[in-house]
Amino acid sequence: MPEQDVPSRRAFLATGAAAVVALTAAGTTTARSAPLPLTPTCVDDDDTPSNIEGPYFKRDSPQRTNLRTPGVTGVVLSLTGFVYTMKCEPIPNVLLDFWQADDRGVYDNRTYKMRGHQFTNASGAYVLETIIPKDYPGRTPHIHVKVQARGGPVLTTQLFFPDTLRAYGMNVAWLNRRDAYLDRECEVALGPLVGNRYTARFDFVIDT
């Protein structure tokens, strides 16, 4: 496909904004925050990099878009985005399975705390209401995710945060420099902290 004919994520975000607004109105307060910077332009073969699964994945997580279950504390994170093909087409009904540490840097392996899966809507959009995870020895704050279109391969990756993140007294710039698994291509676009809430966006590009 000629470069000038390649649609961009910016174009899809403009046409798909109504879907995100509808989702956030239903379950989050993302719309109250300042606009986020746009994610990089989508071009052919620009798929989201994979990363290690790690030792804490747990199958059969509950279907939910809100990981802030009773008893969960921490700095709130409202994460939104789209899932695209490598030709920059939004994909409906994509499985996203998220898991992460809590505000103490601990994974709950007995229950499904801080774990949940969901599916993109008809516009290829997803919304996740969660918290900023804390660091733990050797790892900067990050969120694990598996992404799979129906019948397609599974992308296992991790989402990271910019050096400017401020939560739990963490020096994220220092932590990012020392994490061997950090991938800046998987860094979320982070809005400003408003009260106790961050908003962020990340768009996945996957092989179908």
C-alpha atoms as a PDB file:
ATOM      1  CA  MET A   1       0.000   0.000   0.000  1.00  0.00           C
ATOM      2  CA  PRO A   2       1.499   3.425  -0.934  1.00  0.00           C
ATOM      3  CA  GLU A   3       2.454   5.469   2.109  1.00  0.00           C
ATOM      4  CA  GLN A   4       0.074   8.304   1.239  1.00  0.00           C
ATOM      5  CA  ASP A   5      -2.835   5.828   1.115  1.00  0.00           C
ATOM      6  CA  VAL A   6      -2.208   4.364   4.552  1.00  0.00           C
ATOM      7  CA  PRO A   7      -4.883   5.501   7.026  1.00  0.00           C
ATOM      8  CA  SER A   8      -3.587   6.635  10.390  1.00  0.00           C
ATOM      9  CA  ARG A   9      -4.619   5.920  13.955  1.00  0.00           C
ATOM     10  CA  ARG A  10      -5.327   9.648  14.183  1.00  0.00           C
ATOM     11  CA  ALA A  11      -8.022   9.286  11.505  1.00  0.00           C
ATOM     12  CA  PHE A  12      -9.559   6.280  13.216  1.00  0.00           C
ATOM     13  CA  LEU A  13      -9.481   8.026  16.580  1.00  0.00           C
ATOM     14  CA  ALA A  14     -11.374  10.944  15.075  1.00  0.00           C
ATOM     15  CA  THR A  15     -14.070   8.757  13.520  1.00  0.00           C
ATOM     16  CA  GLY A  16     -14.243   6.411  16.501  1.00  0.00           C
ATOM     17  CA  ALA A  17     -14.317   9.030  19.232  1.00  0.00           C
ATOM     18  CA  ALA A  18     -18.057   8.622  19.724  1.00  0.00           C
ATOM     19  CA  ALA A  19     -17.540   4.995  20.704  1.00  0.00           C
ATOM     20  CA  VAL A  20     -15.029   5.937  23.372  1.00  0.00           C
ATOM     21  CA  VAL A  21     -17.262   8.711  24.696  1.00  0.00           C
ATOM     22  CA  ALA A  22     -20.149   6.254  24.985  1.00  0.00           C
ATOM     23  CA  LEU A  23     -18.004   3.738  26.814  1.00  0.00           C
ATOM     24  CA  THR A  24     -16.510   6.248  29.216  1.00  0.00           C
ATOM     25  CA  ALA A  25     -19.916   7.696  29.985  1.00  0.00           C
ATOM     26  CA  ALA A  26     -21.106   4.223  30.874  1.00  0.00           C
ATOM     27  CA  GLY A  27     -18.301   3.236  33.189  1.00  0.00           C
ATOM     28  CA  THR A  28     -15.520   5.799  33.690  1.00  0.00           C
ATOM     29  CA  THR A  29     -14.836   9.484  34.121  1.00  0.00           C
ATOM     30  CA  THR A  30     -12.163   9.727  31.456  1.00  0.00           C
ATOM     31  CA  ALA A  31     -14.050  12.361  29.500  1.00  0.00           C
ATOM     32  CA  ARG A  32     -13.567  14.896  32.297  1.00  0.00           C
ATOM     33  CA  SER A  33      -9.807  15.101  31.765  1.00  0.00           C
ATOM     34  CA  ALA A  34      -7.745  17.071  29.277  1.00  0.00           C
ATOM     35  CA  PRO A  35      -7.244  15.582  25.791  1.00  0.00           C
ATOM     36  CA  LEU A  36      -4.410  13.080  25.578  1.00  0.00           C
ATOM     37  CA  PRO A  37      -1.576  13.192  23.058  1.00  0.00           C
ATOM     38  CA  LEU A  38      -2.161  11.017  20.024  1.00  0.00           C
ATOM     39  CA  THR A  39      -0.421   7.691  19.691  1.00  0.00           C
ATOM     40  CA  PRO A  40       2.007   7.135  16.785  1.00  0.00           C
ATOM     41  CA  THR A  41       0.701   6.889  13.243  1.00  0.00           C
ATOM     42  CA  CYS A  42      -0.324   3.399  12.204  1.00  0.00           C
ATOM     43  CA  VAL A  43       1.509   2.056   9.147  1.00  0.00           C
ATOM     44  CA  ASP A  44       1.607  -1.391   7.548  1.00  0.00           C
ATOM     45  CA  ASP A  45       3.599  -3.944   9.572  1.00  0.00           C
ATOM     46  CA  ASP A  46       3.842  -1.596  12.549  1.00  0.00           C
ATOM     47  CA  ASP A  47       2.524  -4.172  15.002  1.00  0.00           C
ATOM     48  CA  THR A  48       2.695  -3.860  18.774  1.00  0.00           C
ATOM     49  CA  PRO A  49       5.844  -5.547  20.134  1.00  0.00           C
ATOM     50  CA  SER A  50       5.454  -8.644  22.285  1.00  0.00           C
ATOM     51  CA  ASN A  51       6.974  -9.031  25.730  1.00  0.00           C
ATOM     52  CA  ILE A  52       7.374 -11.765  28.323  1.00  0.00           C
ATOM     53  CA  GLU A  53       4.302 -13.225  29.992  1.00  0.00           C
ATOM     54  CA  GLY A  54       5.967 -13.380  33.391  1.00  0.00           C
ATOM     55  CA  PRO A  55       5.144 -15.859  36.153  1.00  0.00           C
ATOM     56  CA  TYR A  56       1.807 -14.430  37.324  1.00  0.00           C
ATOM     57  CA  PHE A  57      -0.646 -15.028  34.473  1.00  0.00           C
ATOM     58  CA  LYS A  58      -3.809 -16.792  35.616  1.00  0.00           C
ATOM     59  CA  ARG A  59      -6.343 -18.310  33.224  1.00  0.00           C
ATOM     60  CA  ASP A  60     -10.116 -17.836  33.328  1.00  0.00           C
ATOM     61  CA  SER A  61     -10.164 -14.261  34.599  1.00  0.00           C
ATOM     62  CA  PRO A  62     -13.634 -12.722  35.004  1.00  0.00           C
ATOM     63  CA  GLN A  63     -15.066 -10.637  32.184  1.00  0.00           C
ATOM     64  CA  ARG A  64     -15.050  -7.026  33.372  1.00  0.00           C
ATOM     65  CA  THR A  65     -13.781  -3.603  32.360  1.00  0.00           C
ATOM     66  CA  ASN A  66     -13.294  -2.378  35.937  1.00  0.00           C
ATOM     67  CA  LEU A  67     -10.514  -3.908  38.043  1.00  0.00           C
ATOM     68  CA  ARG A  68     -11.219  -1.566  40.951  1.00  0.00           C
ATOM     69  CA  THR A  69     -13.137  -4.144  42.935  1.00  0.00           C
ATOM     70  CA  PRO A  70     -14.064  -3.576  46.617  1.00  0.00           C
ATOM     71  CA  GLY A  71     -10.964  -3.142  48.746  1.00  0.00           C
ATOM     72  CA  VAL A  72      -8.711  -2.010  45.885  1.00  0.00           C
ATOM     73  CA  THR A  73      -6.860   1.208  46.678  1.00  0.00           C
ATOM     74  CA  GLY A  74      -4.368   3.286  44.746  1.00  0.00           C
ATOM     75  CA  VAL A  75      -4.052   6.020  42.148  1.00  0.00           C
ATOM     76  CA  VAL A  76      -6.867   5.523  39.629  1.00  0.00           C
ATOM     77  CA  LEU A  77      -6.071   4.877  35.962  1.00  0.00           C
ATOM     78  CA  SER A  78      -8.632   5.117  33.166  1.00  0.00           C
ATOM     79  CA  LEU A  79      -7.086   3.514  30.078  1.00  0.00           C
ATOM     80  CA  THR A  80      -8.771   3.661  26.677  1.00  0.00           C
ATOM     81  CA  GLY A  81      -7.768   2.780  23.147  1.00  0.00           C
ATOM     82  CA  PHE A  82      -8.418   0.812  19.982  1.00  0.00           C
ATOM     83  CA  VAL A  83      -7.194  -2.437  18.472  1.00  0.00           C
ATOM     84  CA  TYR A  84      -6.173  -2.327  14.788  1.00  0.00           C
ATOM     85  CA  THR A  85      -5.033  -4.728  12.109  1.00  0.00           C
ATOM     86  CA  MET A  86      -1.631  -4.130  10.542  1.00  0.00           C
ATOM     87  CA  LYS A  87      -3.544  -2.368   7.753  1.00  0.00           C
ATOM     88  CA  CYS A  88      -4.876   0.082  10.326  1.00  0.00           C
ATOM     89  CA  GLU A  89      -8.423  -1.285  10.360  1.00  0.00           C
ATOM     90  CA  PRO A  90     -10.189  -1.288  13.761  1.00  0.00           C
ATOM     91  CA  ILE A  91     -11.153  -4.777  14.933  1.00  0.00           C
ATOM     92  CA  PRO A  92     -14.353  -5.530  16.870  1.00  0.00           C
ATOM     93  CA  ASN A  93     -14.713  -8.334  19.404  1.00  0.00           C
ATOM     94  CA  VAL A  94     -10.992  -8.614  20.180  1.00  0.00           C
ATOM     95  CA  LEU A  95     -10.135 -10.323  23.474  1.00  0.00           C
ATOM     96  CA  LEU A  96      -7.988  -8.299  25.890  1.00  0.00           C
ATOM     97  CA  ASP A  97      -6.941 -10.065  29.097  1.00  0.00           C
ATOM     98  CA  PHE A  98      -5.298  -7.728  31.635  1.00  0.00           C
ATOM     99  CA  TRP A  99      -3.437  -8.498  34.853  1.00  0.00           C
ATOM    100  CA  GLN A 100      -1.189  -6.404  37.082  1.00  0.00           C
ATOM    101  CA  ALA A 101       0.299  -5.785  40.510  1.00  0.00           C
ATOM    102  CA  ASP A 102      -1.572  -3.692  43.071  1.00  0.00           C
ATOM    103  CA  ASP A 103      -0.540  -0.450  44.795  1.00  0.00           C
ATOM    104  CA  ARG A 104       1.975  -2.409  46.906  1.00  0.00           C
ATOM    105  CA  GLY A 105       3.634  -4.108  43.939  1.00  0.00           C
ATOM    106  CA  VAL A 106       1.983  -7.442  44.763  1.00  0.00           C
ATOM    107  CA  TYR A 107       0.152  -9.890  42.466  1.00  0.00           C
ATOM    108  CA  ASP A 108      -2.807 -11.762  43.932  1.00  0.00           C
ATOM    109  CA  ASN A 109      -2.421 -15.378  42.798  1.00  0.00           C
ATOM    110  CA  ARG A 110      -5.184 -16.782  45.020  1.00  0.00           C
ATOM    111  CA  THR A 111      -8.079 -14.769  43.624  1.00  0.00           C
ATOM    112  CA  TYR A 112      -8.691 -12.674  40.520  1.00  0.00           C
ATOM    113  CA  LYS A 113      -7.919  -9.310  42.112  1.00  0.00           C
ATOM    114  CA  MET A 114      -6.437  -6.919  39.514  1.00  0.00           C
ATOM    115  CA  ARG A 115      -7.316  -9.339  36.704  1.00  0.00           C
ATOM    116  CA  GLY A 116     -10.006  -9.282  34.050  1.00  0.00           C
ATOM    117  CA  HIS A 117     -10.771  -9.770  30.388  1.00  0.00           C
ATOM    118  CA  GLN A 118     -12.996  -7.868  27.978  1.00  0.00           C
ATOM    119  CA  PHE A 119     -13.750  -7.513  24.265  1.00  0.00           C
ATOM    120  CA  THR A 120     -13.504  -4.501  21.988  1.00  0.00           C
ATOM    121  CA  ASN A 121     -16.795  -2.966  20.908  1.00  0.00           C
ATOM    122  CA  ALA A 122     -18.093  -2.636  17.349  1.00  0.00           C
ATOM    123  CA  SER A 123     -15.672   0.254  16.722  1.00  0.00           C
ATOM    124  CA  GLY A 124     -12.641  -1.685  17.974  1.00  0.00           C
ATOM    125  CA  ALA A 125     -12.466   0.338  21.200  1.00  0.00           C
ATOM    126  CA  TYR A 126     -11.775  -0.793  24.753  1.00  0.00           C
ATOM    127  CA  VAL A 127     -11.911   0.874  28.180  1.00  0.00           C
ATOM    128  CA  LEU A 128     -10.121  -0.298  31.316  1.00  0.00           C
ATOM    129  CA  GLU A 129     -10.717   1.186  34.762  1.00  0.00           C
ATOM    130  CA  THR A 130      -7.893   0.172  37.093  1.00  0.00           C
ATOM    131  CA  ILE A 131      -5.104   1.638  39.242  1.00  0.00           C
ATOM    132  CA  ILE A 132      -1.491   2.538  38.640  1.00  0.00           C
ATOM    133  CA  PRO A 133       0.503  -0.564  39.630  1.00  0.00           C
ATOM    134  CA  LYS A 134       3.461  -0.116  41.948  1.00  0.00           C
ATOM    135  CA  ASP A 135       6.971  -1.256  41.115  1.00  0.00           C
ATOM    136  CA  TYR A 136       8.601  -4.302  42.698  1.00  0.00           C
ATOM    137  CA  PRO A 137      12.241  -5.483  42.722  1.00  0.00           C
ATOM    138  CA  GLY A 138      13.636  -5.433  39.199  1.00  0.00           C
ATOM    139  CA  ARG A 139      10.462  -4.121  37.554  1.00  0.00           C
ATOM    140  CA  THR A 140       9.136  -0.698  36.773  1.00  0.00           C
ATOM    141  CA  PRO A 141       5.323  -0.251  36.990  1.00  0.00           C
ATOM    142  CA  HIS A 142       3.634  -2.082  34.116  1.00  0.00           C
ATOM    143  CA  ILE A 143       0.406  -3.779  33.062  1.00  0.00           C
ATOM    144  CA  HIS A 144       0.334  -7.196  31.397  1.00  0.00           C
ATOM    145  CA  VAL A 145      -2.086  -7.954  28.579  1.00  0.00           C
ATOM    146  CA  LYS A 146      -2.907 -10.678  26.080  1.00  0.00           C
ATOM    147  CA  VAL A 147      -4.638  -9.518  22.898  1.00  0.00           C
ATOM    148  CA  GLN A 148      -6.299 -11.848  20.393  1.00  0.00           C
ATOM    149  CA  ALA A 149      -8.644 -11.327  17.471  1.00  0.00           C
ATOM    150  CA  ARG A 150     -11.071 -14.166  16.857  1.00  0.00           C
ATOM    151  CA  GLY A 151      -9.106 -17.037  15.295  1.00  0.00           C
ATOM    152  CA  GLY A 152      -5.847 -15.062  15.296  1.00  0.00           C
ATOM    153  CA  PRO A 153      -2.549 -15.450  17.168  1.00  0.00           C
ATOM    154  CA  VAL A 154      -2.175 -14.222  20.739  1.00  0.00           C
ATOM    155  CA  LEU A 155      -0.112 -11.095  21.376  1.00  0.00           C
ATOM    156  CA  THR A 156       1.372 -11.155  24.879  1.00  0.00           C
ATOM    157  CA  THR A 157       2.868  -7.833  25.886  1.00  0.00           C
ATOM    158  CA  GLN A 158       3.222  -5.237  28.648  1.00  0.00           C
ATOM    159  CA  LEU A 159       2.236  -1.581  28.889  1.00  0.00           C
ATOM    160  CA  PHE A 160       4.601   0.918  30.490  1.00  0.00           C
ATOM    161  CA  PHE A 161       4.433   4.475  31.806  1.00  0.00           C
ATOM    162  CA  PRO A 162       6.398   7.616  30.926  1.00  0.00           C
ATOM    163  CA  ASP A 163       9.109   8.916  33.235  1.00  0.00           C
ATOM    164  CA  THR A 164       6.782  11.728  34.339  1.00  0.00           C
ATOM    165  CA  LEU A 165       4.367   9.395  36.166  1.00  0.00           C
ATOM    166  CA  ARG A 166       4.034  10.286  39.842  1.00  0.00           C
ATOM    167  CA  ALA A 167       2.473   7.736  42.199  1.00  0.00           C
ATOM    168  CA  TYR A 168       3.332   6.097  45.521  1.00  0.00           C
ATOM    169  CA  GLY A 169       6.587   8.058  45.761  1.00  0.00           C
ATOM    170  CA  MET A 170       8.086   6.116  42.833  1.00  0.00           C
ATOM    171  CA  ASN A 171      10.929   7.575  40.781  1.00  0.00           C
ATOM    172  CA  VAL A 172       9.644   6.174  37.505  1.00  0.00           C
ATOM    173  CA  ALA A 173      12.461   7.606  35.394  1.00  0.00           C
ATOM    174  CA  TRP A 174      14.975   5.722  37.549  1.00  0.00           C
ATOM    175  CA  LEU A 175      12.874   2.548  37.519  1.00  0.00           C
ATOM    176  CA  ASN A 176      12.398   2.687  33.748  1.00  0.00           C
ATOM    177  CA  ARG A 177      16.135   2.962  33.138  1.00  0.00           C
ATOM    178  CA  ARG A 178      16.771  -0.177  35.181  1.00  0.00           C
ATOM    179  CA  ASP A 179      14.031  -2.453  33.849  1.00  0.00           C
ATOM    180  CA  ALA A 180      15.447  -4.932  31.330  1.00  0.00           C
ATOM    181  CA  TYR A 181      11.987  -5.522  29.839  1.00  0.00           C
ATOM    182  CA  LEU A 182      10.999  -1.885  29.308  1.00  0.00           C
ATOM    183  CA  ASP A 183       9.837  -1.172  25.750  1.00  0.00           C
ATOM    184  CA  ARG A 184       9.162   2.474  24.951  1.00  0.00           C
ATOM    185  CA  GLU A 185       7.019   1.411  21.985  1.00  0.00           C
ATOM    186  CA  CYS A 186       4.563   0.075  24.565  1.00  0.00           C
ATOM    187  CA  GLU A 187       4.446   3.247  26.636  1.00  0.00           C
ATOM    188  CA  VAL A 188       0.956   4.639  27.200  1.00  0.00           C
ATOM    189  CA  ALA A 189       0.065   8.225  26.331  1.00  0.00           C
ATOM    190  CA  LEU A 190      -0.531   9.654  29.792  1.00  0.00           C
ATOM    191  CA  GLY A 191      -2.662  12.662  30.647  1.00  0.00           C
ATOM    192  CA  PRO A 192      -2.116  14.911  33.672  1.00  0.00           C
ATOM    193  CA  LEU A 193      -2.950  13.789  37.189  1.00  0.00           C
ATOM    194  CA  VAL A 194      -6.352  15.202  38.168  1.00  0.00           C
ATOM    195  CA  GLY A 195      -7.119  14.620  41.829  1.00  0.00           C
ATOM    196  CA  ASN A 196      -6.310  10.950  42.318  1.00  0.00           C
ATOM    197  CA  ARG A 197      -6.856   9.939  38.685  1.00  0.00           C
ATOM    198  CA  TYR A 198      -4.747   9.544  35.574  1.00  0.00           C
ATOM    199  CA  THR A 199      -6.160   9.032  32.093  1.00  0.00           C
ATOM    200  CA  ALA A 200      -4.149   7.229  29.433  1.00  0.00           C
ATOM    201  CA  ARG A 201      -4.480   5.758  25.985  1.00  0.00           C
ATOM    202  CA  PHE A 202      -2.790   2.965  24.106  1.00  0.00           C
ATOM    203  CA  ASP A 203      -3.698   1.518  20.703  1.00  0.00           C
ATOM    204  CA  PHE A 204      -2.751  -2.051  19.840  1.00  0.00           C
ATOM    205  CA  VAL A 205      -1.827  -3.151  16.312  1.00  0.00           C
ATOM    206  CA  ILE A 206      -2.039  -6.922  15.934  1.00  0.00           C
ATOM    207  CA  ASP A 207      -1.622  -9.716  13.431  1.00  0.00           C
ATOM    208  CA  THR A 208      -4.941 -11.305  12.508  1.00  0.00           C
END
